Amino acid sequence: MNHELLDNLDKIHTTELGEFRIKRNLDLDTDDVVTWCIKRVKSSKEIIRKGKNWYIYDDACIITINANSYTIITAHKKKLNSK
């Protein structure tokens, strides 16, 4: 599958505040949030671009990445009744 986001995995990054927010929202116990998120991007079956952001749908969470800067903005646990 040729996909703009997958072709630019090396550009994905986040800010210190973004890292804190992702860890808190997903209850993660990892020191490398970016690598954790990239693994989810690689294994995702659904990546959608809406406006300026990519939305990566994983079995347990939704990750939001800015489409221009490739900055991971946030991630949230999936609600039971959502996608």
PDB file of N, CA and C in Angstrom:
ATOM      1  N   MET A   1       0.847  -1.187   0.000  1.00  0.00           N
ATOM      2  CA  MET A   1       0.000   0.000   0.000  1.00  0.00           C
ATOM      3  C   MET A   1       0.887   1.242   0.000  1.00  0.00           C
ATOM      4  N   ASN A   2       0.753   2.069  -1.003  1.00  0.00           N
ATOM      5  CA  ASN A   2       1.510   3.317  -1.071  1.00  0.00           C
ATOM      6  C   ASN A   2       0.722   4.389  -0.334  1.00  0.00           C
ATOM      7  N   HIS A   3       1.315   4.938   0.679  1.00  0.00           N
ATOM      8  CA  HIS A   3       0.595   5.886   1.517  1.00  0.00           C
ATOM      9  C   HIS A   3       1.553   6.986   1.974  1.00  0.00           C
ATOM     10  N   GLU A   4       1.139   8.224   1.826  1.00  0.00           N
ATOM     11  CA  GLU A   4       2.008   9.357   2.171  1.00  0.00           C
ATOM     12  C   GLU A   4       2.549   9.279   3.590  1.00  0.00           C
ATOM     13  N   LEU A   5       1.693   8.948   4.555  1.00  0.00           N
ATOM     14  CA  LEU A   5       2.141   8.875   5.947  1.00  0.00           C
ATOM     15  C   LEU A   5       3.147   7.744   6.135  1.00  0.00           C
ATOM     16  N   LEU A   6       2.875   6.591   5.551  1.00  0.00           N
ATOM     17  CA  LEU A   6       3.789   5.451   5.682  1.00  0.00           C
ATOM     18  C   LEU A   6       5.126   5.719   4.993  1.00  0.00           C
ATOM     19  N   ASP A   7       5.114   6.534   3.953  1.00  0.00           N
ATOM     20  CA  ASP A   7       6.350   6.882   3.257  1.00  0.00           C
ATOM     21  C   ASP A   7       7.206   7.870   4.048  1.00  0.00           C
ATOM     22  N   ASN A   8       6.635   8.465   5.088  1.00  0.00           N
ATOM     23  CA  ASN A   8       7.347   9.489   5.853  1.00  0.00           C
ATOM     24  C   ASN A   8       7.427   9.160   7.346  1.00  0.00           C
ATOM     25  N   LEU A   9       7.497   7.898   7.674  1.00  0.00           N
ATOM     26  CA  LEU A   9       7.564   7.486   9.082  1.00  0.00           C
ATOM     27  C   LEU A   9       8.762   8.094   9.809  1.00  0.00           C
ATOM     28  N   ASP A  10       9.859   8.297   9.081  1.00  0.00           N
ATOM     29  CA  ASP A  10      11.066   8.858   9.694  1.00  0.00           C
ATOM     30  C   ASP A  10      10.897  10.314  10.129  1.00  0.00           C
ATOM     31  N   LYS A  11       9.853  10.973   9.655  1.00  0.00           N
ATOM     32  CA  LYS A  11       9.602  12.372  10.012  1.00  0.00           C
ATOM     33  C   LYS A  11       8.681  12.522  11.234  1.00  0.00           C
ATOM     34  N   ILE A  12       8.072  11.430  11.663  1.00  0.00           N
ATOM     35  CA  ILE A  12       7.119  11.502  12.776  1.00  0.00           C
ATOM     36  C   ILE A  12       7.855  11.801  14.074  1.00  0.00           C
ATOM     37  N   HIS A  13       7.314  12.769  14.808  1.00  0.00           N
ATOM     38  CA  HIS A  13       7.903  13.184  16.081  1.00  0.00           C
ATOM     39  C   HIS A  13       6.785  13.787  16.942  1.00  0.00           C
ATOM     40  N   THR A  14       7.137  14.184  18.154  1.00  0.00           N
ATOM     41  CA  THR A  14       6.178  14.893  18.996  1.00  0.00           C
ATOM     42  C   THR A  14       6.931  15.862  19.892  1.00  0.00           C
ATOM     43  N   THR A  15       6.172  16.699  20.567  1.00  0.00           N
ATOM     44  CA  THR A  15       6.764  17.651  21.506  1.00  0.00           C
ATOM     45  C   THR A  15       6.801  17.012  22.897  1.00  0.00           C
ATOM     46  N   GLU A  16       7.474  17.661  23.813  1.00  0.00           N
ATOM     47  CA  GLU A  16       7.518  17.191  25.190  1.00  0.00           C
ATOM     48  C   GLU A  16       6.106  17.146  25.782  1.00  0.00           C
ATOM     49  N   LEU A  17       5.337  18.191  25.512  1.00  0.00           N
ATOM     50  CA  LEU A  17       3.956  18.247  26.001  1.00  0.00           C
ATOM     51  C   LEU A  17       3.102  17.165  25.327  1.00  0.00           C
ATOM     52  N   GLY A  18       3.320  16.946  24.043  1.00  0.00           N
ATOM     53  CA  GLY A  18       2.594  15.901  23.329  1.00  0.00           C
ATOM     54  C   GLY A  18       2.892  14.525  23.895  1.00  0.00           C
ATOM     55  N   GLU A  19       4.154  14.279  24.208  1.00  0.00           N
ATOM     56  CA  GLU A  19       4.553  13.007  24.800  1.00  0.00           C
ATOM     57  C   GLU A  19       3.846  12.787  26.136  1.00  0.00           C
ATOM     58  N   PHE A  20       3.812  13.821  26.957  1.00  0.00           N
ATOM     59  CA  PHE A  20       3.129  13.739  28.252  1.00  0.00           C
ATOM     60  C   PHE A  20       1.642  13.437  28.051  1.00  0.00           C
ATOM     61  N   ARG A  21       1.013  14.149  27.114  1.00  0.00           N
ATOM     62  CA  ARG A  21      -0.427  14.003  26.856  1.00  0.00           C
ATOM     63  C   ARG A  21      -0.753  12.587  26.369  1.00  0.00           C
ATOM     64  N   ILE A  22       0.063  12.054  25.457  1.00  0.00           N
ATOM     65  CA  ILE A  22      -0.167  10.715  24.913  1.00  0.00           C
ATOM     66  C   ILE A  22      -0.017   9.661  26.005  1.00  0.00           C
ATOM     67  N   LYS A  23       1.053   9.779  26.803  1.00  0.00           N
ATOM     68  CA  LYS A  23       1.266   8.835  27.909  1.00  0.00           C
ATOM     69  C   LYS A  23       0.080   8.856  28.873  1.00  0.00           C
ATOM     70  N   ARG A  24      -0.376  10.040  29.204  1.00  0.00           N
ATOM     71  CA  ARG A  24      -1.499  10.189  30.143  1.00  0.00           C
ATOM     72  C   ARG A  24      -2.792   9.626  29.554  1.00  0.00           C
ATOM     73  N   ASN A  25      -3.092   9.991  28.313  1.00  0.00           N
ATOM     74  CA  ASN A  25      -4.345   9.567  27.695  1.00  0.00           C
ATOM     75  C   ASN A  25      -4.439   8.057  27.481  1.00  0.00           C
ATOM     76  N   LEU A  26      -3.300   7.426  27.208  1.00  0.00           N
ATOM     77  CA  LEU A  26      -3.303   5.992  26.907  1.00  0.00           C
ATOM     78  C   LEU A  26      -2.777   5.135  28.055  1.00  0.00           C
ATOM     79  N   ASP A  27      -2.425   5.774  29.156  1.00  0.00           N
ATOM     80  CA  ASP A  27      -1.846   5.048  30.303  1.00  0.00           C
ATOM     81  C   ASP A  27      -0.623   4.238  29.882  1.00  0.00           C
ATOM     82  N   LEU A  28       0.247   4.859  29.098  1.00  0.00           N
ATOM     83  CA  LEU A  28       1.435   4.163  28.596  1.00  0.00           C
ATOM     84  C   LEU A  28       2.555   4.175  29.618  1.00  0.00           C
ATOM     85  N   ASP A  29       3.307   3.090  29.634  1.00  0.00           N
ATOM     86  CA  ASP A  29       4.494   3.001  30.477  1.00  0.00           C
ATOM     87  C   ASP A  29       5.684   2.733  29.553  1.00  0.00           C
ATOM     88  N   THR A  30       6.024   3.741  28.759  1.00  0.00           N
ATOM     89  CA  THR A  30       7.149   3.622  27.829  1.00  0.00           C
ATOM     90  C   THR A  30       7.927   4.929  27.824  1.00  0.00           C
ATOM     91  N   ASP A  31       9.203   4.824  27.546  1.00  0.00           N
ATOM     92  CA  ASP A  31      10.030   6.026  27.452  1.00  0.00           C
ATOM     93  C   ASP A  31      10.118   6.527  26.020  1.00  0.00           C
ATOM     94  N   ASP A  32       9.610   5.748  25.069  1.00  0.00           N
ATOM     95  CA  ASP A  32       9.701   6.132  23.667  1.00  0.00           C
ATOM     96  C   ASP A  32       8.313   6.134  23.016  1.00  0.00           C
ATOM     97  N   VAL A  33       7.586   7.210  23.261  1.00  0.00           N
ATOM     98  CA  VAL A  33       6.219   7.352  22.755  1.00  0.00           C
ATOM     99  C   VAL A  33       6.192   7.363  21.232  1.00  0.00           C
ATOM    100  N   VAL A  34       7.162   8.014  20.610  1.00  0.00           N
ATOM    101  CA  VAL A  34       7.183   8.124  19.147  1.00  0.00           C
ATOM    102  C   VAL A  34       7.300   6.736  18.511  1.00  0.00           C
ATOM    103  N   THR A  35       8.214   5.929  18.992  1.00  0.00           N
ATOM    104  CA  THR A  35       8.368   4.574  18.452  1.00  0.00           C
ATOM    105  C   THR A  35       7.099   3.761  18.679  1.00  0.00           C
ATOM    106  N   TRP A  36       6.489   3.901  19.843  1.00  0.00           N
ATOM    107  CA  TRP A  36       5.240   3.202  20.155  1.00  0.00           C
ATOM    108  C   TRP A  36       4.161   3.587  19.138  1.00  0.00           C
ATOM    109  N   CYS A  37       4.047   4.887  18.861  1.00  0.00           N
ATOM    110  CA  CYS A  37       3.034   5.362  17.909  1.00  0.00           C
ATOM    111  C   CYS A  37       3.340   4.903  16.483  1.00  0.00           C
ATOM    112  N   ILE A  38       4.603   4.934  16.087  1.00  0.00           N
ATOM    113  CA  ILE A  38       4.981   4.502  14.737  1.00  0.00           C
ATOM    114  C   ILE A  38       4.619   3.033  14.531  1.00  0.00           C
ATOM    115  N   LYS A  39       4.816   2.203  15.540  1.00  0.00           N
ATOM    116  CA  LYS A  39       4.425   0.792  15.438  1.00  0.00           C
ATOM    117  C   LYS A  39       2.929   0.676  15.181  1.00  0.00           C
ATOM    118  N   ARG A  40       2.139   1.528  15.837  1.00  0.00           N
ATOM    119  CA  ARG A  40       0.685   1.507  15.637  1.00  0.00           C
ATOM    120  C   ARG A  40       0.324   1.974  14.230  1.00  0.00           C
ATOM    121  N   VAL A  41       1.044   2.970  13.725  1.00  0.00           N
ATOM    122  CA  VAL A  41       0.804   3.454  12.358  1.00  0.00           C
ATOM    123  C   VAL A  41       1.075   2.323  11.366  1.00  0.00           C
ATOM    124  N   LYS A  42       2.195   1.632  11.533  1.00  0.00           N
ATOM    125  CA  LYS A  42       2.571   0.544  10.626  1.00  0.00           C
ATOM    126  C   LYS A  42       1.552  -0.591  10.620  1.00  0.00           C
ATOM    127  N   SER A  43       0.973  -0.876  11.782  1.00  0.00           N
ATOM    128  CA  SER A  43       0.052  -2.019  11.880  1.00  0.00           C
ATOM    129  C   SER A  43      -1.413  -1.631  11.677  1.00  0.00           C
ATOM    130  N   SER A  44      -1.686  -0.338  11.535  1.00  0.00           N
ATOM    131  CA  SER A  44      -3.061   0.129  11.396  1.00  0.00           C
ATOM    132  C   SER A  44      -3.682  -0.313  10.074  1.00  0.00           C
ATOM    133  N   LYS A  45      -4.932  -0.662  10.140  1.00  0.00           N
ATOM    134  CA  LYS A  45      -5.667  -1.030   8.934  1.00  0.00           C
ATOM    135  C   LYS A  45      -6.452   0.154   8.386  1.00  0.00           C
ATOM    136  N   GLU A  46      -6.481   1.249   9.161  1.00  0.00           N
ATOM    137  CA  GLU A  46      -7.242   2.418   8.726  1.00  0.00           C
ATOM    138  C   GLU A  46      -6.496   3.707   9.077  1.00  0.00           C
ATOM    139  N   ILE A  47      -6.079   4.424   8.041  1.00  0.00           N
ATOM    140  CA  ILE A  47      -5.428   5.724   8.178  1.00  0.00           C
ATOM    141  C   ILE A  47      -6.210   6.682   7.298  1.00  0.00           C
ATOM    142  N   ILE A  48      -6.733   7.728   7.908  1.00  0.00           N
ATOM    143  CA  ILE A  48      -7.584   8.669   7.176  1.00  0.00           C
ATOM    144  C   ILE A  48      -7.032  10.073   7.347  1.00  0.00           C
ATOM    145  N   ARG A  49      -7.009  10.805   6.245  1.00  0.00           N
ATOM    146  CA  ARG A  49      -6.644  12.220   6.338  1.00  0.00           C
ATOM    147  C   ARG A  49      -7.919  13.049   6.297  1.00  0.00           C
ATOM    148  N   LYS A  50      -8.083  13.875   7.331  1.00  0.00           N
ATOM    149  CA  LYS A  50      -9.198  14.820   7.388  1.00  0.00           C
ATOM    150  C   LYS A  50      -8.580  16.195   7.579  1.00  0.00           C
ATOM    151  N   GLY A  51      -8.688  17.036   6.560  1.00  0.00           N
ATOM    152  CA  GLY A  51      -8.108  18.376   6.662  1.00  0.00           C
ATOM    153  C   GLY A  51      -6.616  18.318   6.863  1.00  0.00           C
ATOM    154  N   LYS A  52      -6.143  18.952   7.934  1.00  0.00           N
ATOM    155  CA  LYS A  52      -4.701  19.054   8.166  1.00  0.00           C
ATOM    156  C   LYS A  52      -4.126  17.917   8.998  1.00  0.00           C
ATOM    157  N   ASN A  53      -4.947  16.929   9.369  1.00  0.00           N
ATOM    158  CA  ASN A  53      -4.470  15.853  10.229  1.00  0.00           C
ATOM    159  C   ASN A  53      -4.697  14.465   9.649  1.00  0.00           C
ATOM    160  N   TRP A  54      -3.810  13.559  10.058  1.00  0.00           N
ATOM    161  CA  TRP A  54      -3.996  12.128   9.809  1.00  0.00           C
ATOM    162  C   TRP A  54      -4.607  11.541  11.075  1.00  0.00           C
ATOM    163  N   TYR A  55      -5.517  10.603  10.909  1.00  0.00           N
ATOM    164  CA  TYR A  55      -6.111   9.878  12.034  1.00  0.00           C
ATOM    165  C   TYR A  55      -5.805   8.403  11.819  1.00  0.00           C
ATOM    166  N   ILE A  56      -5.108   7.819  12.778  1.00  0.00           N
ATOM    167  CA  ILE A  56      -4.708   6.423  12.696  1.00  0.00           C
ATOM    168  C   ILE A  56      -5.570   5.652  13.685  1.00  0.00           C
ATOM    169  N   TYR A  57      -6.333   4.718  13.148  1.00  0.00           N
ATOM    170  CA  TYR A  57      -7.247   3.926  13.976  1.00  0.00           C
ATOM    171  C   TYR A  57      -6.608   2.583  14.278  1.00  0.00           C
ATOM    172  N   ASP A  58      -6.311   2.370  15.532  1.00  0.00           N
ATOM    173  CA  ASP A  58      -5.737   1.137  16.044  1.00  0.00           C
ATOM    174  C   ASP A  58      -6.863   0.383  16.757  1.00  0.00           C
ATOM    175  N   ASP A  59      -6.643  -0.853  17.125  1.00  0.00           N
ATOM    176  CA  ASP A  59      -7.673  -1.608  17.840  1.00  0.00           C
ATOM    177  C   ASP A  59      -8.098  -0.916  19.137  1.00  0.00           C
ATOM    178  N   ALA A  60      -7.152  -0.271  19.800  1.00  0.00           N
ATOM    179  CA  ALA A  60      -7.442   0.294  21.121  1.00  0.00           C
ATOM    180  C   ALA A  60      -7.418   1.821  21.188  1.00  0.00           C
ATOM    181  N   CYS A  61      -6.880   2.486  20.157  1.00  0.00           N
ATOM    182  CA  CYS A  61      -6.740   3.935  20.253  1.00  0.00           C
ATOM    183  C   CYS A  61      -6.827   4.617  18.894  1.00  0.00           C
ATOM    184  N   ILE A  62      -6.905   5.940  18.952  1.00  0.00           N
ATOM    185  CA  ILE A  62      -6.879   6.785  17.759  1.00  0.00           C
ATOM    186  C   ILE A  62      -5.734   7.778  17.948  1.00  0.00           C
ATOM    187  N   ILE A  63      -4.821   7.803  16.999  1.00  0.00           N
ATOM    188  CA  ILE A  63      -3.660   8.697  17.060  1.00  0.00           C
ATOM    189  C   ILE A  63      -3.870   9.799  16.032  1.00  0.00           C
ATOM    190  N   THR A  64      -3.606  11.045  16.426  1.00  0.00           N
ATOM    191  CA  THR A  64      -3.739  12.190  15.531  1.00  0.00           C
ATOM    192  C   THR A  64      -2.353  12.743  15.214  1.00  0.00           C
ATOM    193  N   ILE A  65      -2.048  12.845  13.915  1.00  0.00           N
ATOM    194  CA  ILE A  65      -0.749  13.356  13.464  1.00  0.00           C
ATOM    195  C   ILE A  65      -0.984  14.482  12.468  1.00  0.00           C
ATOM    196  N   ASN A  66      -0.288  15.608  12.659  1.00  0.00           N
ATOM    197  CA  ASN A  66      -0.389  16.727  11.731  1.00  0.00           C
ATOM    198  C   ASN A  66       0.195  16.305  10.387  1.00  0.00           C
ATOM    199  N   ALA A  67      -0.550  16.552   9.314  1.00  0.00           N
ATOM    200  CA  ALA A  67      -0.163  16.081   7.985  1.00  0.00           C
ATOM    201  C   ALA A  67       0.995  16.870   7.379  1.00  0.00           C
ATOM    202  N   ASN A  68       1.209  18.098   7.816  1.00  0.00           N
ATOM    203  CA  ASN A  68       2.295  18.904   7.255  1.00  0.00           C
ATOM    204  C   ASN A  68       3.611  18.716   7.995  1.00  0.00           C
ATOM    205  N   SER A  69       3.555  18.711   9.324  1.00  0.00           N
ATOM    206  CA  SER A  69       4.774  18.643  10.126  1.00  0.00           C
ATOM    207  C   SER A  69       5.094  17.234  10.623  1.00  0.00           C
ATOM    208  N   TYR A  70       4.142  16.312  10.498  1.00  0.00           N
ATOM    209  CA  TYR A  70       4.278  14.939  10.999  1.00  0.00           C
ATOM    210  C   TYR A  70       4.465  14.903  12.518  1.00  0.00           C
ATOM    211  N   THR A  71       3.899  15.889  13.199  1.00  0.00           N
ATOM    212  CA  THR A  71       3.932  15.930  14.663  1.00  0.00           C
ATOM    213  C   THR A  71       2.758  15.139  15.218  1.00  0.00           C
ATOM    214  N   ILE A  72       3.048  14.214  16.129  1.00  0.00           N
ATOM    215  CA  ILE A  72       1.968  13.499  16.801  1.00  0.00           C
ATOM    216  C   ILE A  72       1.343  14.486  17.775  1.00  0.00           C
ATOM    217  N   ILE A  73       0.085  14.807  17.554  1.00  0.00           N
ATOM    218  CA  ILE A  73      -0.596  15.808  18.358  1.00  0.00           C
ATOM    219  C   ILE A  73      -1.149  15.195  19.638  1.00  0.00           C
ATOM    220  N   THR A  74      -1.872  14.095  19.463  1.00  0.00           N
ATOM    221  CA  THR A  74      -2.477  13.445  20.626  1.00  0.00           C
ATOM    222  C   THR A  74      -2.873  12.022  20.258  1.00  0.00           C
ATOM    223  N   ALA A  75      -3.301  11.295  21.258  1.00  0.00           N
ATOM    224  CA  ALA A  75      -3.848   9.950  21.066  1.00  0.00           C
ATOM    225  C   ALA A  75      -4.859   9.721  22.160  1.00  0.00           C
ATOM    226  N   HIS A  76      -5.915   9.027  21.821  1.00  0.00           N
ATOM    227  CA  HIS A  76      -6.991   8.763  22.775  1.00  0.00           C
ATOM    228  C   HIS A  76      -7.382   7.300  22.705  1.00  0.00           C
ATOM    229  N   LYS A  77      -7.817   6.773  23.832  1.00  0.00           N
ATOM    230  CA  LYS A  77      -8.373   5.420  23.835  1.00  0.00           C
ATOM    231  C   LYS A  77      -9.670   5.463  23.035  1.00  0.00           C
ATOM    232  N   LYS A  78      -9.919   4.381  22.332  1.00  0.00           N
ATOM    233  CA  LYS A  78     -11.168   4.265  21.586  1.00  0.00           C
ATOM    234  C   LYS A  78     -12.321   4.097  22.554  1.00  0.00           C
ATOM    235  N   LYS A  79     -13.420   4.754  22.257  1.00  0.00           N
ATOM    236  CA  LYS A  79     -14.630   4.536  23.022  1.00  0.00           C
ATOM    237  C   LYS A  79     -15.262   3.248  22.503  1.00  0.00           C
ATOM    238  N   LEU A  80     -16.004   2.570  23.338  1.00  0.00           N
ATOM    239  CA  LEU A  80     -16.571   1.283  22.962  1.00  0.00           C
ATOM    240  C   LEU A  80     -17.452   1.343  21.724  1.00  0.00           C
ATOM    241  N   ASN A  81     -18.168   2.436  21.527  1.00  0.00           N
ATOM    242  CA  ASN A  81     -19.095   2.523  20.391  1.00  0.00           C
ATOM    243  C   ASN A  81     -18.527   3.286  19.206  1.00  0.00           C
ATOM    244  N   SER A  82     -17.237   3.652  19.230  1.00  0.00           N
ATOM    245  CA  SER A  82     -16.670   4.391  18.093  1.00  0.00           C
ATOM    246  C   SER A  82     -16.016   3.412  17.134  1.00  0.00           C
ATOM    247  N   LYS A  83     -15.580   3.922  15.993  1.00  0.00           N
ATOM    248  CA  LYS A  83     -14.986   3.136  14.908  1.00  0.00           C
ATOM    249  C   LYS A  83     -14.198   1.973  15.370  1.00  0.00           C
TER     250      LYS A  83
END
